[in-house]
Amino acid sequence: MAHESEPGFLVLHALRLKGFAEAPALAGAIGLPVEEIEGHLADLAGRELALRRDGRVSGWQLTPAGKVADAAAVAEEIERSAGRTTVDGAYRRFLDLNGDILRVCTAWQMRDQGGRQVVNDHGDAAYDLEVVDRLAAIHGRARPVTDDLGACLARFGRYGDRLEAALERVQAGEGEWFTKPVLDSYHTVWFELHEDLLSTLSLERSTEAQVG
């Protein structure tokens, strides 16, 4: 059975992955009610593991102590779950897909015109449809990876559904759900999954070329 994370840890870790967020954004990522998340955020603030910043852009972020606490909790969880081998294998499969995802995201934002790259103005419906079809094909290869991760550590299970939801919105004509950073777009969720895998395995991006 998949290892279930404690709700307080889910909030701590989601805030680590997002960097700066309000409770509703965390709720979308981890599937807990906003009211419950707000209670955990208040607890983290009381323990000086998180702080809230108010202003033109308001939200929560971890303190340095909070980042240390998250790293320790992640390391403890992966050992307690005995899931390191499974997560490592899924991470390597993720890396096999990562270049394809980055290329298709670039193709959505830019396109070749007369031998030079220009911003895609999305005026060519046939071109955009081909790029969306490419994303859907890659997603079909990615879903088994997220499913296997979720069967090991339950907190990874939401990534597949979040990616699917973003893809469906893109296919419905809401192109901003492809790469827009402020949304739970396909690229946003993929980036979070990447960060989560690195965090779970205690890896740095600079070491990825050596993996495999």
C-alpha atoms as a PDB file:
ATOM      1  CA  MET A   1       0.000   0.000   0.000  1.00  0.00           C
ATOM      2  CA  ALA A   2       1.072   3.565  -0.661  1.00  0.00           C
ATOM      3  CA  HIS A   3       2.636   5.422   2.241  1.00  0.00           C
ATOM      4  CA  GLU A   4       0.326   8.203   3.476  1.00  0.00           C
ATOM      5  CA  SER A   5       1.951  11.481   4.544  1.00  0.00           C
ATOM      6  CA  GLU A   6       0.866  13.427   7.607  1.00  0.00           C
ATOM      7  CA  PRO A   7      -1.225  16.515   6.705  1.00  0.00           C
ATOM      8  CA  GLY A   8       1.166  18.874   8.486  1.00  0.00           C
ATOM      9  CA  PHE A   9       4.055  17.534   6.452  1.00  0.00           C
ATOM     10  CA  LEU A  10       2.061  17.883   3.228  1.00  0.00           C
ATOM     11  CA  VAL A  11       1.560  21.591   3.934  1.00  0.00           C
ATOM     12  CA  LEU A  12       5.206  22.098   4.897  1.00  0.00           C
ATOM     13  CA  HIS A  13       6.454  20.301   1.796  1.00  0.00           C
ATOM     14  CA  ALA A  14       4.006  21.923  -0.626  1.00  0.00           C
ATOM     15  CA  LEU A  15       5.135  25.333   0.592  1.00  0.00           C
ATOM     16  CA  ARG A  16       8.750  24.280   0.075  1.00  0.00           C
ATOM     17  CA  LEU A  17       7.982  23.259  -3.515  1.00  0.00           C
ATOM     18  CA  LYS A  18       5.966  26.364  -4.380  1.00  0.00           C
ATOM     19  CA  GLY A  19       8.292  28.754  -2.587  1.00  0.00           C
ATOM     20  CA  PHE A  20       5.592  31.362  -1.969  1.00  0.00           C
ATOM     21  CA  ALA A  21       1.868  30.656  -1.915  1.00  0.00           C
ATOM     22  CA  GLU A  22      -1.509  31.257  -0.360  1.00  0.00           C
ATOM     23  CA  ALA A  23      -3.591  28.488   1.215  1.00  0.00           C
ATOM     24  CA  PRO A  24      -5.876  27.949  -1.841  1.00  0.00           C
ATOM     25  CA  ALA A  25      -2.871  27.236  -4.064  1.00  0.00           C
ATOM     26  CA  LEU A  26      -1.585  24.733  -1.526  1.00  0.00           C
ATOM     27  CA  ALA A  27      -5.048  23.158  -1.371  1.00  0.00           C
ATOM     28  CA  GLY A  28      -4.996  22.600  -5.111  1.00  0.00           C
ATOM     29  CA  ALA A  29      -1.647  20.881  -4.851  1.00  0.00           C
ATOM     30  CA  ILE A  30      -2.256  18.580  -1.890  1.00  0.00           C
ATOM     31  CA  GLY A  31      -6.023  18.196  -1.760  1.00  0.00           C
ATOM     32  CA  LEU A  32      -6.665  19.346   1.811  1.00  0.00           C
ATOM     33  CA  PRO A  33      -9.396  21.864   2.727  1.00  0.00           C
ATOM     34  CA  VAL A  34      -8.254  25.482   2.824  1.00  0.00           C
ATOM     35  CA  GLU A  35      -9.364  25.845   6.455  1.00  0.00           C
ATOM     36  CA  GLU A  36      -7.248  22.875   7.509  1.00  0.00           C
ATOM     37  CA  ILE A  37      -4.255  24.217   5.603  1.00  0.00           C
ATOM     38  CA  GLU A  38      -4.606  27.613   7.255  1.00  0.00           C
ATOM     39  CA  GLY A  39      -4.471  25.876  10.644  1.00  0.00           C
ATOM     40  CA  HIS A  40      -1.255  24.092   9.694  1.00  0.00           C
ATOM     41  CA  LEU A  41       0.243  27.330   8.371  1.00  0.00           C
ATOM     42  CA  ALA A  42      -0.514  29.026  11.679  1.00  0.00           C
ATOM     43  CA  ASP A  43       1.172  26.128  13.468  1.00  0.00           C
ATOM     44  CA  LEU A  44       4.242  26.396  11.234  1.00  0.00           C
ATOM     45  CA  ALA A  45       4.387  30.135  11.901  1.00  0.00           C
ATOM     46  CA  GLY A  46       4.178  29.507  15.658  1.00  0.00           C
ATOM     47  CA  ARG A  47       7.153  27.168  15.370  1.00  0.00           C
ATOM     48  CA  GLU A  48       9.022  29.753  13.248  1.00  0.00           C
ATOM     49  CA  LEU A  49       9.100  27.386  10.276  1.00  0.00           C
ATOM     50  CA  ALA A  50       6.982  29.631   8.035  1.00  0.00           C
ATOM     51  CA  LEU A  51       6.094  33.296   7.792  1.00  0.00           C
ATOM     52  CA  ARG A  52       3.511  35.345   5.982  1.00  0.00           C
ATOM     53  CA  ARG A  53       4.331  38.384   3.884  1.00  0.00           C
ATOM     54  CA  ASP A  54       1.624  40.929   3.116  1.00  0.00           C
ATOM     55  CA  GLY A  55       1.831  43.642   0.511  1.00  0.00           C
ATOM     56  CA  ARG A  56       1.321  44.006  -3.221  1.00  0.00           C
ATOM     57  CA  VAL A  57       1.804  40.228  -3.404  1.00  0.00           C
ATOM     58  CA  SER A  58       0.866  38.355  -0.259  1.00  0.00           C
ATOM     59  CA  GLY A  59       1.547  34.780   0.729  1.00  0.00           C
ATOM     60  CA  TRP A  60       3.367  32.250   2.871  1.00  0.00           C
ATOM     61  CA  GLN A  61       6.930  31.004   2.621  1.00  0.00           C
ATOM     62  CA  LEU A  62       9.232  28.807   4.640  1.00  0.00           C
ATOM     63  CA  THR A  63      11.901  30.281   6.859  1.00  0.00           C
ATOM     64  CA  PRO A  64      15.446  28.855   6.652  1.00  0.00           C
ATOM     65  CA  ALA A  65      14.543  26.684   9.642  1.00  0.00           C
ATOM     66  CA  GLY A  66      11.437  25.531   7.783  1.00  0.00           C
ATOM     67  CA  LYS A  67      13.514  24.423   4.797  1.00  0.00           C
ATOM     68  CA  VAL A  68      15.794  22.452   7.093  1.00  0.00           C
ATOM     69  CA  ALA A  69      12.772  20.864   8.782  1.00  0.00           C
ATOM     70  CA  ASP A  70      11.270  19.924   5.417  1.00  0.00           C
ATOM     71  CA  ALA A  71      14.508  18.305   4.204  1.00  0.00           C
ATOM     72  CA  ALA A  72      14.695  16.259   7.396  1.00  0.00           C
ATOM     73  CA  ALA A  73      11.035  15.218   7.153  1.00  0.00           C
ATOM     74  CA  VAL A  74      11.389  14.211   3.490  1.00  0.00           C
ATOM     75  CA  ALA A  75      14.472  12.116   4.256  1.00  0.00           C
ATOM     76  CA  GLU A  76      12.707  10.437   7.169  1.00  0.00           C
ATOM     77  CA  GLU A  77       9.625   9.664   5.085  1.00  0.00           C
ATOM     78  CA  ILE A  78      11.468   8.069   2.173  1.00  0.00           C
ATOM     79  CA  GLU A  79      13.346   5.795   4.546  1.00  0.00           C
ATOM     80  CA  ARG A  80      10.252   4.913   6.580  1.00  0.00           C
ATOM     81  CA  SER A  81       8.299   4.088   3.430  1.00  0.00           C
ATOM     82  CA  ALA A  82      11.090   1.897   2.007  1.00  0.00           C
ATOM     83  CA  GLY A  83      10.285   3.545  -1.317  1.00  0.00           C
ATOM     84  CA  ARG A  84      13.658   4.908  -2.391  1.00  0.00           C
ATOM     85  CA  THR A  85      14.238   2.295  -5.099  1.00  0.00           C
ATOM     86  CA  THR A  86      10.793   2.862  -6.605  1.00  0.00           C
ATOM     87  CA  VAL A  87      11.113   6.650  -6.528  1.00  0.00           C
ATOM     88  CA  ASP A  88      14.619   6.514  -7.982  1.00  0.00           C
ATOM     89  CA  GLY A  89      13.436   4.315 -10.845  1.00  0.00           C
ATOM     90  CA  ALA A  90      10.511   6.650 -11.561  1.00  0.00           C
ATOM     91  CA  TYR A  91      12.850   9.645 -11.443  1.00  0.00           C
ATOM     92  CA  ARG A  92      15.049   8.110 -14.142  1.00  0.00           C
ATOM     93  CA  ARG A  93      11.960   7.523 -16.298  1.00  0.00           C
ATOM     94  CA  PHE A  94      10.929  11.119 -15.601  1.00  0.00           C
ATOM     95  CA  LEU A  95      14.291  12.334 -16.895  1.00  0.00           C
ATOM     96  CA  ASP A  96      13.757  10.382 -20.112  1.00  0.00           C
ATOM     97  CA  LEU A  97      10.598  12.456 -20.650  1.00  0.00           C
ATOM     98  CA  ASN A  98      11.835  15.793 -19.342  1.00  0.00           C
ATOM     99  CA  GLY A  99      13.603  16.887 -22.528  1.00  0.00           C
ATOM    100  CA  ASP A 100      10.492  16.123 -24.588  1.00  0.00           C
ATOM    101  CA  ILE A 101       8.335  18.169 -22.219  1.00  0.00           C
ATOM    102  CA  LEU A 102      10.695  21.123 -22.332  1.00  0.00           C
ATOM    103  CA  ARG A 103      10.834  21.003 -26.131  1.00  0.00           C
ATOM    104  CA  VAL A 104       7.067  20.882 -26.537  1.00  0.00           C
ATOM    105  CA  CYS A 105       6.651  23.773 -24.082  1.00  0.00           C
ATOM    106  CA  THR A 106       9.173  25.780 -26.109  1.00  0.00           C
ATOM    107  CA  ALA A 107       7.290  24.883 -29.304  1.00  0.00           C
ATOM    108  CA  TRP A 108       4.120  26.283 -27.724  1.00  0.00           C
ATOM    109  CA  GLN A 109       5.813  29.562 -26.881  1.00  0.00           C
ATOM    110  CA  MET A 110       8.065  29.938 -29.935  1.00  0.00           C
ATOM    111  CA  ARG A 111       8.042  28.752 -33.555  1.00  0.00           C
ATOM    112  CA  ASP A 112      10.336  28.750 -36.544  1.00  0.00           C
ATOM    113  CA  GLN A 113       9.734  31.426 -39.131  1.00  0.00           C
ATOM    114  CA  GLY A 114      12.135  31.729 -42.013  1.00  0.00           C
ATOM    115  CA  GLY A 115      14.893  29.984 -40.112  1.00  0.00           C
ATOM    116  CA  ARG A 116      14.588  32.085 -36.966  1.00  0.00           C
ATOM    117  CA  GLN A 117      12.665  31.629 -33.733  1.00  0.00           C
ATOM    118  CA  VAL A 118       9.779  34.044 -33.171  1.00  0.00           C
ATOM    119  CA  VAL A 119       7.118  34.277 -30.481  1.00  0.00           C
ATOM    120  CA  ASN A 120       4.151  32.061 -31.275  1.00  0.00           C
ATOM    121  CA  ASP A 121       1.161  34.379 -31.624  1.00  0.00           C
ATOM    122  CA  HIS A 122      -1.175  31.355 -31.794  1.00  0.00           C
ATOM    123  CA  GLY A 123      -2.606  32.580 -35.082  1.00  0.00           C
ATOM    124  CA  ASP A 124      -1.941  29.244 -36.782  1.00  0.00           C
ATOM    125  CA  ALA A 125      -4.523  26.814 -35.441  1.00  0.00           C
ATOM    126  CA  ALA A 126      -3.017  23.829 -37.272  1.00  0.00           C
ATOM    127  CA  TYR A 127       0.404  24.454 -35.735  1.00  0.00           C
ATOM    128  CA  ASP A 128      -1.036  24.819 -32.228  1.00  0.00           C
ATOM    129  CA  LEU A 129      -3.106  21.639 -32.621  1.00  0.00           C
ATOM    130  CA  GLU A 130       0.008  19.692 -33.609  1.00  0.00           C
ATOM    131  CA  VAL A 131       1.844  20.944 -30.512  1.00  0.00           C
ATOM    132  CA  VAL A 132      -1.101  20.041 -28.262  1.00  0.00           C
ATOM    133  CA  ASP A 133      -1.198  16.571 -29.812  1.00  0.00           C
ATOM    134  CA  ARG A 134       2.506  16.211 -29.034  1.00  0.00           C
ATOM    135  CA  LEU A 135       1.860  17.169 -25.410  1.00  0.00           C
ATOM    136  CA  ALA A 136      -0.956  14.627 -25.160  1.00  0.00           C
ATOM    137  CA  ALA A 137       1.312  11.889 -26.530  1.00  0.00           C
ATOM    138  CA  ILE A 138       4.039  12.690 -24.014  1.00  0.00           C
ATOM    139  CA  HIS A 139       1.470  12.802 -21.224  1.00  0.00           C
ATOM    140  CA  GLY A 140       0.415   9.293 -22.178  1.00  0.00           C
ATOM    141  CA  ARG A 141       3.982   8.185 -21.452  1.00  0.00           C
ATOM    142  CA  ALA A 142       4.215  10.270 -18.267  1.00  0.00           C
ATOM    143  CA  ARG A 143       1.036   9.039 -16.602  1.00  0.00           C
ATOM    144  CA  PRO A 144       2.445   5.556 -15.772  1.00  0.00           C
ATOM    145  CA  VAL A 145       5.371   7.287 -14.039  1.00  0.00           C
ATOM    146  CA  THR A 146       3.128   9.400 -11.806  1.00  0.00           C
ATOM    147  CA  ASP A 147       0.864   6.418 -11.144  1.00  0.00           C
ATOM    148  CA  ASP A 148       3.814   4.292 -10.006  1.00  0.00           C
ATOM    149  CA  LEU A 149       5.035   7.123  -7.784  1.00  0.00           C
ATOM    150  CA  GLY A 150       1.582   7.497  -6.241  1.00  0.00           C
ATOM    151  CA  ALA A 151       1.406   3.777  -5.546  1.00  0.00           C
ATOM    152  CA  CYS A 152       4.584   4.154  -3.491  1.00  0.00           C
ATOM    153  CA  LEU A 153       4.148   7.553  -1.808  1.00  0.00           C
ATOM    154  CA  ALA A 154       0.531   8.706  -1.873  1.00  0.00           C
ATOM    155  CA  ARG A 155       1.493  12.403  -1.996  1.00  0.00           C
ATOM    156  CA  PHE A 156       2.831  11.874  -5.524  1.00  0.00           C
ATOM    157  CA  GLY A 157      -0.545  10.574  -6.667  1.00  0.00           C
ATOM    158  CA  ARG A 158      -2.023  14.018  -7.273  1.00  0.00           C
ATOM    159  CA  TYR A 159       0.557  14.960  -9.912  1.00  0.00           C
ATOM    160  CA  GLY A 160      -0.979  12.733 -12.565  1.00  0.00           C
ATOM    161  CA  ASP A 161      -4.440  14.191 -12.000  1.00  0.00           C
ATOM    162  CA  ARG A 162      -3.124  17.754 -11.973  1.00  0.00           C
ATOM    163  CA  LEU A 163      -1.239  17.204 -15.230  1.00  0.00           C
ATOM    164  CA  GLU A 164      -4.332  15.584 -16.757  1.00  0.00           C
ATOM    165  CA  ALA A 165      -6.497  18.521 -15.706  1.00  0.00           C
ATOM    166  CA  ALA A 166      -4.078  21.020 -17.267  1.00  0.00           C
ATOM    167  CA  LEU A 167      -3.915  18.999 -20.496  1.00  0.00           C
ATOM    168  CA  GLU A 168      -7.713  18.841 -20.715  1.00  0.00           C
ATOM    169  CA  ARG A 169      -7.962  22.615 -20.375  1.00  0.00           C
ATOM    170  CA  VAL A 170      -5.358  23.106 -23.099  1.00  0.00           C
ATOM    171  CA  GLN A 171      -7.266  20.694 -25.352  1.00  0.00           C
ATOM    172  CA  ALA A 172     -10.438  22.680 -24.623  1.00  0.00           C
ATOM    173  CA  GLY A 173      -8.796  25.801 -26.045  1.00  0.00           C
ATOM    174  CA  GLU A 174      -7.469  27.387 -22.838  1.00  0.00           C
ATOM    175  CA  GLY A 175      -3.910  27.725 -24.069  1.00  0.00           C
ATOM    176  CA  GLU A 176      -2.659  29.528 -20.971  1.00  0.00           C
ATOM    177  CA  TRP A 177      -2.843  26.187 -19.138  1.00  0.00           C
ATOM    178  CA  PHE A 178       0.087  24.956 -21.217  1.00  0.00           C
ATOM    179  CA  THR A 179       2.898  27.019 -19.670  1.00  0.00           C
ATOM    180  CA  LYS A 180       1.563  30.022 -17.692  1.00  0.00           C
ATOM    181  CA  PRO A 181       3.480  30.199 -14.376  1.00  0.00           C
ATOM    182  CA  VAL A 182       0.724  31.703 -12.212  1.00  0.00           C
ATOM    183  CA  LEU A 183      -1.662  28.857 -13.084  1.00  0.00           C
ATOM    184  CA  ASP A 184      -1.497  25.151 -12.298  1.00  0.00           C
ATOM    185  CA  SER A 185      -0.436  24.787 -15.934  1.00  0.00           C
ATOM    186  CA  TYR A 186       1.136  21.654 -17.354  1.00  0.00           C
ATOM    187  CA  HIS A 187       4.610  23.164 -17.160  1.00  0.00           C
ATOM    188  CA  THR A 188       4.022  24.470 -13.619  1.00  0.00           C
ATOM    189  CA  VAL A 189       2.958  21.053 -12.331  1.00  0.00           C
ATOM    190  CA  TRP A 190       5.761  19.298 -14.227  1.00  0.00           C
ATOM    191  CA  PHE A 191       8.297  21.665 -12.669  1.00  0.00           C
ATOM    192  CA  GLU A 192       6.878  20.969  -9.197  1.00  0.00           C
ATOM    193  CA  LEU A 193       7.066  17.225  -9.799  1.00  0.00           C
ATOM    194  CA  HIS A 194      10.693  17.639 -10.838  1.00  0.00           C
ATOM    195  CA  GLU A 195      11.473  19.593  -7.681  1.00  0.00           C
ATOM    196  CA  ASP A 196       9.652  17.019  -5.559  1.00  0.00           C
ATOM    197  CA  LEU A 197      11.643  14.138  -7.039  1.00  0.00           C
ATOM    198  CA  LEU A 198      14.914  15.963  -6.465  1.00  0.00           C
ATOM    199  CA  SER A 199      13.922  16.822  -2.904  1.00  0.00           C
ATOM    200  CA  THR A 200      12.745  13.293  -2.120  1.00  0.00           C
ATOM    201  CA  LEU A 201      15.982  11.753  -3.385  1.00  0.00           C
ATOM    202  CA  SER A 202      18.186  14.515  -1.878  1.00  0.00           C
ATOM    203  CA  LEU A 203      19.561  15.432  -5.309  1.00  0.00           C
ATOM    204  CA  GLU A 204      20.596  18.689  -6.945  1.00  0.00           C
ATOM    205  CA  ARG A 205      19.828  19.676 -10.540  1.00  0.00           C
ATOM    206  CA  SER A 206      23.554  20.041 -11.148  1.00  0.00           C
ATOM    207  CA  THR A 207      23.989  16.294 -10.611  1.00  0.00           C
ATOM    208  CA  GLU A 208      21.311  15.203 -13.086  1.00  0.00           C
ATOM    209  CA  ALA A 209      23.733  14.736 -15.973  1.00  0.00           C
ATOM    210  CA  GLN A 210      25.397  12.011 -13.918  1.00  0.00           C
ATOM    211  CA  VAL A 211      22.157  10.075 -13.301  1.00  0.00           C
ATOM    212  CA  GLY A 212      21.650   6.920 -15.293  1.00  0.00           C
END
